[in-house]
Structure formats: structure tokens, C-alpha cells
Amino acid sequence: MSAREERILARIREIPEGFVRTYGDIDPAAPRLVGMVLAHTDADLPWHRVVRADGSLAKGKRQRDLLAREGIPMRGNRVDLRQARLPRHV
């Protein structure tokens, strides 16, 4: 695994319960790489706390259920990013 992929995993692990980050928050230059890393890792990660830039969920009901258990505010089928989003990494 590359150093960049390790940083992505570390940033995902840092997301506390009750908050989310977008793929672009995790790596602004390569949000699709974040998705690929998540799709190809066996690591125990809070994957459900990573959402699309518009607050929509890549993993549907399963992801929504996990976020609901953490009290993540929703607006319809999307996370209310104004309330639940952590600041970006720089």
C-alpha cells in the first residue's frame, strides 16, 4: 500500500462518531482514489462516515442505518452536511 493510501486510511479512522467527511475532504486531489481504497481494503474502518460531496450515500440503506444509529442529521436521503461535516484536511 502506498503512503498516500495509508494517509487516506488514517484520515478515515480519524472521523469521530456523529460526523462525516466527503471523499473530497479525505483527499481533495483524488476523491475517486478514496473510494477505491475503501472498496479494496479489509481494514476495520468507519467507512459509513464517508459520503459524496452532495451528502448522498454510496452504500444506500446499510450506510444510512449506520449513520442513523450515530445520530447523523439527514435531509431526505442525504446527510445534512451543514451540521454533520467535519472540516477538511489540508
PDB file of N, CA and C in Angstrom:
ATOM      1  N   MET A   1       0.853  -1.182   0.000  1.00  0.00           N
ATOM      2  CA  MET A   1       0.000   0.000   0.000  1.00  0.00           C
ATOM      3  C   MET A   1       0.896   1.241   0.000  1.00  0.00           C
ATOM      4  N   SER A   2       0.508   2.220  -0.786  1.00  0.00           N
ATOM      5  CA  SER A   2       1.313   3.439  -0.900  1.00  0.00           C
ATOM      6  C   SER A   2       1.138   4.335   0.325  1.00  0.00           C
ATOM      7  N   ALA A   3       2.036   5.293   0.466  1.00  0.00           N
ATOM      8  CA  ALA A   3       1.947   6.248   1.572  1.00  0.00           C
ATOM      9  C   ALA A   3       0.654   7.067   1.464  1.00  0.00           C
ATOM     10  N   ARG A   4       0.259   7.404   0.252  1.00  0.00           N
ATOM     11  CA  ARG A   4      -0.977   8.168   0.060  1.00  0.00           C
ATOM     12  C   ARG A   4      -2.189   7.362   0.514  1.00  0.00           C
ATOM     13  N   GLU A   5      -2.209   6.089   0.166  1.00  0.00           N
ATOM     14  CA  GLU A   5      -3.312   5.231   0.596  1.00  0.00           C
ATOM     15  C   GLU A   5      -3.332   5.070   2.108  1.00  0.00           C
ATOM     16  N   GLU A   6      -2.174   4.994   2.724  1.00  0.00           N
ATOM     17  CA  GLU A   6      -2.096   4.926   4.190  1.00  0.00           C
ATOM     18  C   GLU A   6      -2.656   6.208   4.816  1.00  0.00           C
ATOM     19  N   ARG A   7      -2.359   7.368   4.217  1.00  0.00           N
ATOM     20  CA  ARG A   7      -2.901   8.638   4.718  1.00  0.00           C
ATOM     21  C   ARG A   7      -4.423   8.657   4.603  1.00  0.00           C
ATOM     22  N   ILE A   8      -4.931   8.137   3.499  1.00  0.00           N
ATOM     23  CA  ILE A   8      -6.386   8.065   3.308  1.00  0.00           C
ATOM     24  C   ILE A   8      -7.020   7.229   4.418  1.00  0.00           C
ATOM     25  N   LEU A   9      -6.451   6.061   4.680  1.00  0.00           N
ATOM     26  CA  LEU A   9      -6.990   5.204   5.744  1.00  0.00           C
ATOM     27  C   LEU A   9      -6.916   5.891   7.103  1.00  0.00           C
ATOM     28  N   ALA A  10      -5.819   6.582   7.363  1.00  0.00           N
ATOM     29  CA  ALA A  10      -5.668   7.293   8.642  1.00  0.00           C
ATOM     30  C   ALA A  10      -6.720   8.384   8.773  1.00  0.00           C
ATOM     31  N   ARG A  11      -6.988   9.109   7.703  1.00  0.00           N
ATOM     32  CA  ARG A  11      -7.981  10.189   7.744  1.00  0.00           C
ATOM     33  C   ARG A  11      -9.390   9.636   7.963  1.00  0.00           C
ATOM     34  N   ILE A  12      -9.670   8.491   7.396  1.00  0.00           N
ATOM     35  CA  ILE A  12     -10.982   7.869   7.611  1.00  0.00           C
ATOM     36  C   ILE A  12     -11.108   7.420   9.065  1.00  0.00           C
ATOM     37  N   ARG A  13     -10.061   6.841   9.607  1.00  0.00           N
ATOM     38  CA  ARG A  13     -10.087   6.399  11.014  1.00  0.00           C
ATOM     39  C   ARG A  13     -10.284   7.570  11.978  1.00  0.00           C
ATOM     40  N   GLU A  14      -9.869   8.767  11.586  1.00  0.00           N
ATOM     41  CA  GLU A  14      -9.969   9.956  12.448  1.00  0.00           C
ATOM     42  C   GLU A  14     -11.378  10.535  12.533  1.00  0.00           C
ATOM     43  N   ILE A  15     -12.287  10.110  11.679  1.00  0.00           N
ATOM     44  CA  ILE A  15     -13.632  10.688  11.692  1.00  0.00           C
ATOM     45  C   ILE A  15     -14.366  10.172  12.934  1.00  0.00           C
ATOM     46  N   PRO A  16     -14.711  11.076  13.852  1.00  0.00           N
ATOM     47  CA  PRO A  16     -15.374  10.625  15.083  1.00  0.00           C
ATOM     48  C   PRO A  16     -16.840  10.264  14.853  1.00  0.00           C
ATOM     49  N   GLU A  17     -17.357   9.468  15.742  1.00  0.00           N
ATOM     50  CA  GLU A  17     -18.767   9.108  15.705  1.00  0.00           C
ATOM     51  C   GLU A  17     -19.612  10.376  15.720  1.00  0.00           C
ATOM     52  N   GLY A  18     -20.665  10.374  14.897  1.00  0.00           N
ATOM     53  CA  GLY A  18     -21.561  11.520  14.846  1.00  0.00           C
ATOM     54  C   GLY A  18     -21.196  12.553  13.803  1.00  0.00           C
ATOM     55  N   PHE A  19     -20.137  12.300  13.036  1.00  0.00           N
ATOM     56  CA  PHE A  19     -19.689  13.232  11.995  1.00  0.00           C
ATOM     57  C   PHE A  19     -19.377  12.478  10.713  1.00  0.00           C
ATOM     58  N   VAL A  20     -19.310  13.220   9.610  1.00  0.00           N
ATOM     59  CA  VAL A  20     -18.931  12.648   8.314  1.00  0.00           C
ATOM     60  C   VAL A  20     -17.902  13.548   7.646  1.00  0.00           C
ATOM     61  N   ARG A  21     -17.277  12.987   6.653  1.00  0.00           N
ATOM     62  CA  ARG A  21     -16.449  13.745   5.710  1.00  0.00           C
ATOM     63  C   ARG A  21     -16.801  13.247   4.322  1.00  0.00           C
ATOM     64  N   THR A  22     -16.538  14.077   3.330  1.00  0.00           N
ATOM     65  CA  THR A  22     -16.766  13.658   1.950  1.00  0.00           C
ATOM     66  C   THR A  22     -15.496  13.008   1.408  1.00  0.00           C
ATOM     67  N   TYR A  23     -15.647  12.323   0.287  1.00  0.00           N
ATOM     68  CA  TYR A  23     -14.483  11.727  -0.364  1.00  0.00           C
ATOM     69  C   TYR A  23     -13.445  12.804  -0.655  1.00  0.00           C
ATOM     70  N   GLY A  24     -13.914  13.968  -1.110  1.00  0.00           N
ATOM     71  CA  GLY A  24     -13.016  15.079  -1.405  1.00  0.00           C
ATOM     72  C   GLY A  24     -12.379  15.690  -0.171  1.00  0.00           C
ATOM     73  N   ASP A  25     -13.041  15.601   0.972  1.00  0.00           N
ATOM     74  CA  ASP A  25     -12.433  16.076   2.222  1.00  0.00           C
ATOM     75  C   ASP A  25     -11.242  15.199   2.597  1.00  0.00           C
ATOM     76  N   ILE A  26     -11.374  13.914   2.328  1.00  0.00           N
ATOM     77  CA  ILE A  26     -10.320  12.960   2.685  1.00  0.00           C
ATOM     78  C   ILE A  26      -9.083  13.190   1.806  1.00  0.00           C
ATOM     79  N   ASP A  27      -9.289  13.362   0.512  1.00  0.00           N
ATOM     80  CA  ASP A  27      -8.189  13.657  -0.419  1.00  0.00           C
ATOM     81  C   ASP A  27      -8.740  14.538  -1.533  1.00  0.00           C
ATOM     82  N   PRO A  28      -8.584  15.867  -1.393  1.00  0.00           N
ATOM     83  CA  PRO A  28      -9.162  16.791  -2.372  1.00  0.00           C
ATOM     84  C   PRO A  28      -8.675  16.572  -3.805  1.00  0.00           C
ATOM     85  N   ALA A  29      -7.472  16.079  -3.972  1.00  0.00           N
ATOM     86  CA  ALA A  29      -6.931  15.881  -5.312  1.00  0.00           C
ATOM     87  C   ALA A  29      -7.380  14.574  -5.950  1.00  0.00           C
ATOM     88  N   ALA A  30      -7.913  13.652  -5.143  1.00  0.00           N
ATOM     89  CA  ALA A  30      -8.261  12.339  -5.687  1.00  0.00           C
ATOM     90  C   ALA A  30      -9.408  11.675  -4.921  1.00  0.00           C
ATOM     91  N   PRO A  31     -10.608  12.258  -4.970  1.00  0.00           N
ATOM     92  CA  PRO A  31     -11.718  11.649  -4.248  1.00  0.00           C
ATOM     93  C   PRO A  31     -12.053  10.239  -4.729  1.00  0.00           C
ATOM     94  N   ARG A  32     -11.835   9.973  -5.997  1.00  0.00           N
ATOM     95  CA  ARG A  32     -12.118   8.616  -6.504  1.00  0.00           C
ATOM     96  C   ARG A  32     -11.127   7.597  -5.960  1.00  0.00           C
ATOM     97  N   LEU A  33      -9.915   8.038  -5.701  1.00  0.00           N
ATOM     98  CA  LEU A  33      -8.935   7.148  -5.073  1.00  0.00           C
ATOM     99  C   LEU A  33      -9.418   6.743  -3.682  1.00  0.00           C
ATOM    100  N   VAL A  34     -10.035   7.671  -2.964  1.00  0.00           N
ATOM    101  CA  VAL A  34     -10.587   7.366  -1.638  1.00  0.00           C
ATOM    102  C   VAL A  34     -11.605   6.237  -1.761  1.00  0.00           C
ATOM    103  N   GLY A  35     -12.490   6.343  -2.730  1.00  0.00           N
ATOM    104  CA  GLY A  35     -13.479   5.287  -2.955  1.00  0.00           C
ATOM    105  C   GLY A  35     -12.838   3.965  -3.297  1.00  0.00           C
ATOM    106  N   MET A  36     -11.802   4.004  -4.121  1.00  0.00           N
ATOM    107  CA  MET A  36     -11.109   2.773  -4.494  1.00  0.00           C
ATOM    108  C   MET A  36     -10.434   2.136  -3.280  1.00  0.00           C
ATOM    109  N   VAL A  37      -9.798   2.956  -2.458  1.00  0.00           N
ATOM    110  CA  VAL A  37      -9.140   2.437  -1.260  1.00  0.00           C
ATOM    111  C   VAL A  37     -10.176   1.787  -0.347  1.00  0.00           C
ATOM    112  N   LEU A  38     -11.301   2.455  -0.145  1.00  0.00           N
ATOM    113  CA  LEU A  38     -12.364   1.882   0.686  1.00  0.00           C
ATOM    114  C   LEU A  38     -12.883   0.566   0.112  1.00  0.00           C
ATOM    115  N   ALA A  39     -13.018   0.511  -1.190  1.00  0.00           N
ATOM    116  CA  ALA A  39     -13.560  -0.690  -1.834  1.00  0.00           C
ATOM    117  C   ALA A  39     -12.607  -1.874  -1.781  1.00  0.00           C
ATOM    118  N   HIS A  40     -11.318  -1.599  -1.626  1.00  0.00           N
ATOM    119  CA  HIS A  40     -10.327  -2.673  -1.697  1.00  0.00           C
ATOM    120  C   HIS A  40      -9.572  -2.912  -0.400  1.00  0.00           C
ATOM    121  N   THR A  41     -10.131  -2.488   0.714  1.00  0.00           N
ATOM    122  CA  THR A  41      -9.443  -2.710   1.976  1.00  0.00           C
ATOM    123  C   THR A  41     -10.255  -3.635   2.871  1.00  0.00           C
ATOM    124  N   ASP A  42      -9.547  -4.417   3.658  1.00  0.00           N
ATOM    125  CA  ASP A  42     -10.188  -5.273   4.654  1.00  0.00           C
ATOM    126  C   ASP A  42     -10.101  -4.643   6.038  1.00  0.00           C
ATOM    127  N   ALA A  43      -9.490  -3.477   6.119  1.00  0.00           N
ATOM    128  CA  ALA A  43      -9.275  -2.820   7.408  1.00  0.00           C
ATOM    129  C   ALA A  43     -10.613  -2.475   8.072  1.00  0.00           C
ATOM    130  N   ASP A  44     -10.594  -2.495   9.388  1.00  0.00           N
ATOM    131  CA  ASP A  44     -11.768  -2.116  10.165  1.00  0.00           C
ATOM    132  C   ASP A  44     -11.829  -0.596  10.196  1.00  0.00           C
ATOM    133  N   LEU A  45     -12.721  -0.027   9.399  1.00  0.00           N
ATOM    134  CA  LEU A  45     -12.817   1.424   9.235  1.00  0.00           C
ATOM    135  C   LEU A  45     -14.251   1.888   9.425  1.00  0.00           C
ATOM    136  N   PRO A  46     -14.431   3.143   9.835  1.00  0.00           N
ATOM    137  CA  PRO A  46     -15.774   3.708   9.852  1.00  0.00           C
ATOM    138  C   PRO A  46     -16.155   4.204   8.449  1.00  0.00           C
ATOM    139  N   TRP A  47     -16.177   3.295   7.495  1.00  0.00           N
ATOM    140  CA  TRP A  47     -16.417   3.607   6.080  1.00  0.00           C
ATOM    141  C   TRP A  47     -17.725   4.364   5.874  1.00  0.00           C
ATOM    142  N   HIS A  48     -18.696   4.085   6.728  1.00  0.00           N
ATOM    143  CA  HIS A  48     -20.018   4.682   6.565  1.00  0.00           C
ATOM    144  C   HIS A  48     -20.018   6.187   6.813  1.00  0.00           C
ATOM    145  N   ARG A  49     -18.944   6.710   7.393  1.00  0.00           N
ATOM    146  CA  ARG A  49     -18.848   8.152   7.673  1.00  0.00           C
ATOM    147  C   ARG A  49     -18.270   8.938   6.500  1.00  0.00           C
ATOM    148  N   VAL A  50     -18.029   8.277   5.387  1.00  0.00           N
ATOM    149  CA  VAL A  50     -17.529   8.938   4.177  1.00  0.00           C
ATOM    150  C   VAL A  50     -18.681   8.977   3.176  1.00  0.00           C
ATOM    151  N   VAL A  51     -19.058  10.200   2.776  1.00  0.00           N
ATOM    152  CA  VAL A  51     -20.213  10.384   1.893  1.00  0.00           C
ATOM    153  C   VAL A  51     -19.817  11.203   0.667  1.00  0.00           C
ATOM    154  N   ARG A  52     -20.693  11.241  -0.299  1.00  0.00           N
ATOM    155  CA  ARG A  52     -20.450  12.037  -1.506  1.00  0.00           C
ATOM    156  C   ARG A  52     -20.540  13.534  -1.195  1.00  0.00           C
ATOM    157  N   ALA A  53     -20.029  14.340  -2.106  1.00  0.00           N
ATOM    158  CA  ALA A  53     -19.969  15.798  -1.915  1.00  0.00           C
ATOM    159  C   ALA A  53     -21.337  16.437  -1.721  1.00  0.00           C
ATOM    160  N   ASP A  54     -22.383  15.810  -2.242  1.00  0.00           N
ATOM    161  CA  ASP A  54     -23.737  16.348  -2.077  1.00  0.00           C
ATOM    162  C   ASP A  54     -24.465  15.739  -0.878  1.00  0.00           C
ATOM    163  N   GLY A  55     -23.757  14.927  -0.095  1.00  0.00           N
ATOM    164  CA  GLY A  55     -24.354  14.301   1.078  1.00  0.00           C
ATOM    165  C   GLY A  55     -25.041  12.981   0.795  1.00  0.00           C
ATOM    166  N   SER A  56     -25.078  12.576  -0.473  1.00  0.00           N
ATOM    167  CA  SER A  56     -25.722  11.305  -0.789  1.00  0.00           C
ATOM    168  C   SER A  56     -24.832  10.140  -0.368  1.00  0.00           C
ATOM    169  N   LEU A  57     -25.448   8.975  -0.273  1.00  0.00           N
ATOM    170  CA  LEU A  57     -24.781   7.801   0.274  1.00  0.00           C
ATOM    171  C   LEU A  57     -24.450   6.797  -0.823  1.00  0.00           C
ATOM    172  N   ALA A  58     -23.199   6.385  -0.872  1.00  0.00           N
ATOM    173  CA  ALA A  58     -22.752   5.421  -1.878  1.00  0.00           C
ATOM    174  C   ALA A  58     -23.248   4.018  -1.577  1.00  0.00           C
ATOM    175  N   LYS A  59     -23.510   3.710  -0.308  1.00  0.00           N
ATOM    176  CA  LYS A  59     -23.887   2.348   0.077  1.00  0.00           C
ATOM    177  C   LYS A  59     -25.336   2.235   0.538  1.00  0.00           C
ATOM    178  N   GLY A  60     -26.148   3.217   0.207  1.00  0.00           N
ATOM    179  CA  GLY A  60     -27.585   3.139   0.408  1.00  0.00           C
ATOM    180  C   GLY A  60     -28.071   2.884   1.829  1.00  0.00           C
ATOM    181  N   LYS A  61     -29.044   1.984   1.943  1.00  0.00           N
ATOM    182  CA  LYS A  61     -29.731   1.732   3.215  1.00  0.00           C
ATOM    183  C   LYS A  61     -28.785   1.271   4.315  1.00  0.00           C
ATOM    184  N   ARG A  62     -27.852   0.413   3.987  1.00  0.00           N
ATOM    185  CA  ARG A  62     -26.905  -0.066   5.001  1.00  0.00           C
ATOM    186  C   ARG A  62     -26.132   1.107   5.614  1.00  0.00           C
ATOM    187  N   GLN A  63     -25.650   1.992   4.772  1.00  0.00           N
ATOM    188  CA  GLN A  63     -24.906   3.152   5.245  1.00  0.00           C
ATOM    189  C   GLN A  63     -25.827   4.093   6.023  1.00  0.00           C
ATOM    190  N   ARG A  64     -27.017   4.312   5.507  1.00  0.00           N
ATOM    191  CA  ARG A  64     -27.973   5.195   6.184  1.00  0.00           C
ATOM    192  C   ARG A  64     -28.301   4.678   7.583  1.00  0.00           C
ATOM    193  N   ASP A  65     -28.505   3.379   7.713  1.00  0.00           N
ATOM    194  CA  ASP A  65     -28.824   2.785   9.012  1.00  0.00           C
ATOM    195  C   ASP A  65     -27.684   2.996  10.018  1.00  0.00           C
ATOM    196  N   LEU A  66     -26.459   2.810   9.565  1.00  0.00           N
ATOM    197  CA  LEU A  66     -25.305   3.013  10.457  1.00  0.00           C
ATOM    198  C   LEU A  66     -25.192   4.478  10.874  1.00  0.00           C
ATOM    199  N   LEU A  67     -25.405   5.383   9.938  1.00  0.00           N
ATOM    200  CA  LEU A  67     -25.338   6.811  10.261  1.00  0.00           C
ATOM    201  C   LEU A  67     -26.472   7.214  11.198  1.00  0.00           C
ATOM    202  N   ALA A  68     -27.653   6.658  10.985  1.00  0.00           N
ATOM    203  CA  ALA A  68     -28.794   6.973  11.846  1.00  0.00           C
ATOM    204  C   ALA A  68     -28.519   6.547  13.284  1.00  0.00           C
ATOM    205  N   ARG A  69     -27.873   5.414  13.466  1.00  0.00           N
ATOM    206  CA  ARG A  69     -27.530   4.949  14.815  1.00  0.00           C
ATOM    207  C   ARG A  69     -26.597   5.918  15.527  1.00  0.00           C
ATOM    208  N   GLU A  70     -25.818   6.661  14.744  1.00  0.00           N
ATOM    209  CA  GLU A  70     -24.886   7.632  15.324  1.00  0.00           C
ATOM    210  C   GLU A  70     -25.515   9.021  15.460  1.00  0.00           C
ATOM    211  N   GLY A  71     -26.750   9.158  15.024  1.00  0.00           N
ATOM    212  CA  GLY A  71     -27.432  10.441  15.147  1.00  0.00           C
ATOM    213  C   GLY A  71     -27.057  11.456  14.084  1.00  0.00           C
ATOM    214  N   ILE A  72     -26.550  10.997  12.962  1.00  0.00           N
ATOM    215  CA  ILE A  72     -26.184  11.910  11.868  1.00  0.00           C
ATOM    216  C   ILE A  72     -27.461  12.557  11.312  1.00  0.00           C
ATOM    217  N   PRO A  73     -27.524  13.885  11.256  1.00  0.00           N
ATOM    218  CA  PRO A  73     -28.718  14.549  10.718  1.00  0.00           C
ATOM    219  C   PRO A  73     -28.831  14.349   9.202  1.00  0.00           C
ATOM    220  N   MET A  74     -30.050  14.065   8.771  1.00  0.00           N
ATOM    221  CA  MET A  74     -30.307  13.822   7.359  1.00  0.00           C
ATOM    222  C   MET A  74     -31.302  14.859   6.845  1.00  0.00           C
ATOM    223  N   ARG A  75     -31.227  15.094   5.542  1.00  0.00           N
ATOM    224  CA  ARG A  75     -32.225  15.909   4.827  1.00  0.00           C
ATOM    225  C   ARG A  75     -32.707  15.030   3.693  1.00  0.00           C
ATOM    226  N   GLY A  76     -33.808  14.352   3.904  1.00  0.00           N
ATOM    227  CA  GLY A  76     -34.280  13.372   2.933  1.00  0.00           C
ATOM    228  C   GLY A  76     -33.339  12.175   2.944  1.00  0.00           C
ATOM    229  N   ASN A  77     -32.790  11.851   1.782  1.00  0.00           N
ATOM    230  CA  ASN A  77     -31.865  10.719   1.676  1.00  0.00           C
ATOM    231  C   ASN A  77     -30.398  11.136   1.701  1.00  0.00           C
ATOM    232  N   ARG A  78     -30.142  12.363   2.103  1.00  0.00           N
ATOM    233  CA  ARG A  78     -28.771  12.875   2.120  1.00  0.00           C
ATOM    234  C   ARG A  78     -28.401  13.339   3.521  1.00  0.00           C
ATOM    235  N   VAL A  79     -27.122  13.240   3.813  1.00  0.00           N
ATOM    236  CA  VAL A  79     -26.615  13.766   5.077  1.00  0.00           C
ATOM    237  C   VAL A  79     -26.701  15.284   5.031  1.00  0.00           C
ATOM    238  N   ASP A  80     -27.107  15.892   6.127  1.00  0.00           N
ATOM    239  CA  ASP A  80     -27.106  17.346   6.230  1.00  0.00           C
ATOM    240  C   ASP A  80     -25.669  17.776   6.531  1.00  0.00           C
ATOM    241  N   LEU A  81     -24.932  18.069   5.487  1.00  0.00           N
ATOM    242  CA  LEU A  81     -23.504  18.373   5.633  1.00  0.00           C
ATOM    243  C   LEU A  81     -23.260  19.649   6.433  1.00  0.00           C
ATOM    244  N   ARG A  82     -24.204  20.566   6.450  1.00  0.00           N
ATOM    245  CA  ARG A  82     -24.020  21.786   7.233  1.00  0.00           C
ATOM    246  C   ARG A  82     -23.863  21.474   8.727  1.00  0.00           C
ATOM    247  N   GLN A  83     -24.495  20.400   9.165  1.00  0.00           N
ATOM    248  CA  GLN A  83     -24.440  20.041  10.571  1.00  0.00           C
ATOM    249  C   GLN A  83     -23.442  18.924  10.877  1.00  0.00           C
ATOM    250  N   ALA A  84     -23.271  17.979   9.971  1.00  0.00           N
ATOM    251  CA  ALA A  84     -22.517  16.760  10.286  1.00  0.00           C
ATOM    252  C   ALA A  84     -21.092  16.720   9.755  1.00  0.00           C
ATOM    253  N   ARG A  85     -20.736  17.649   8.886  1.00  0.00           N
ATOM    254  CA  ARG A  85     -19.443  17.583   8.211  1.00  0.00           C
ATOM    255  C   ARG A  85     -18.323  18.172   9.059  1.00  0.00           C
ATOM    256  N   LEU A  86     -17.235  17.413   9.170  1.00  0.00           N
ATOM    257  CA  LEU A  86     -16.029  17.918   9.809  1.00  0.00           C
ATOM    258  C   LEU A  86     -15.248  18.754   8.814  1.00  0.00           C
ATOM    259  N   PRO A  87     -14.426  19.672   9.289  1.00  0.00           N
ATOM    260  CA  PRO A  87     -13.586  20.442   8.365  1.00  0.00           C
ATOM    261  C   PRO A  87     -12.653  19.549   7.577  1.00  0.00           C
ATOM    262  N   ARG A  88     -12.278  20.021   6.414  1.00  0.00           N
ATOM    263  CA  ARG A  88     -11.347  19.294   5.546  1.00  0.00           C
ATOM    264  C   ARG A  88      -9.947  19.260   6.110  1.00  0.00           C
ATOM    265  N   HIS A  89      -9.226  18.219   5.683  1.00  0.00           N
ATOM    266  CA  HIS A  89      -7.783  18.175   5.937  1.00  0.00           C
ATOM    267  C   HIS A  89      -7.110  19.061   4.897  1.00  0.00           C
ATOM    268  N   VAL A  90      -6.042  19.668   5.272  1.00  0.00           N
ATOM    269  CA  VAL A  90      -5.295  20.491   4.312  1.00  0.00           C
ATOM    270  C   VAL A  90      -3.986  19.818   3.998  1.00  0.00           C
TER     271      VAL A  90
END
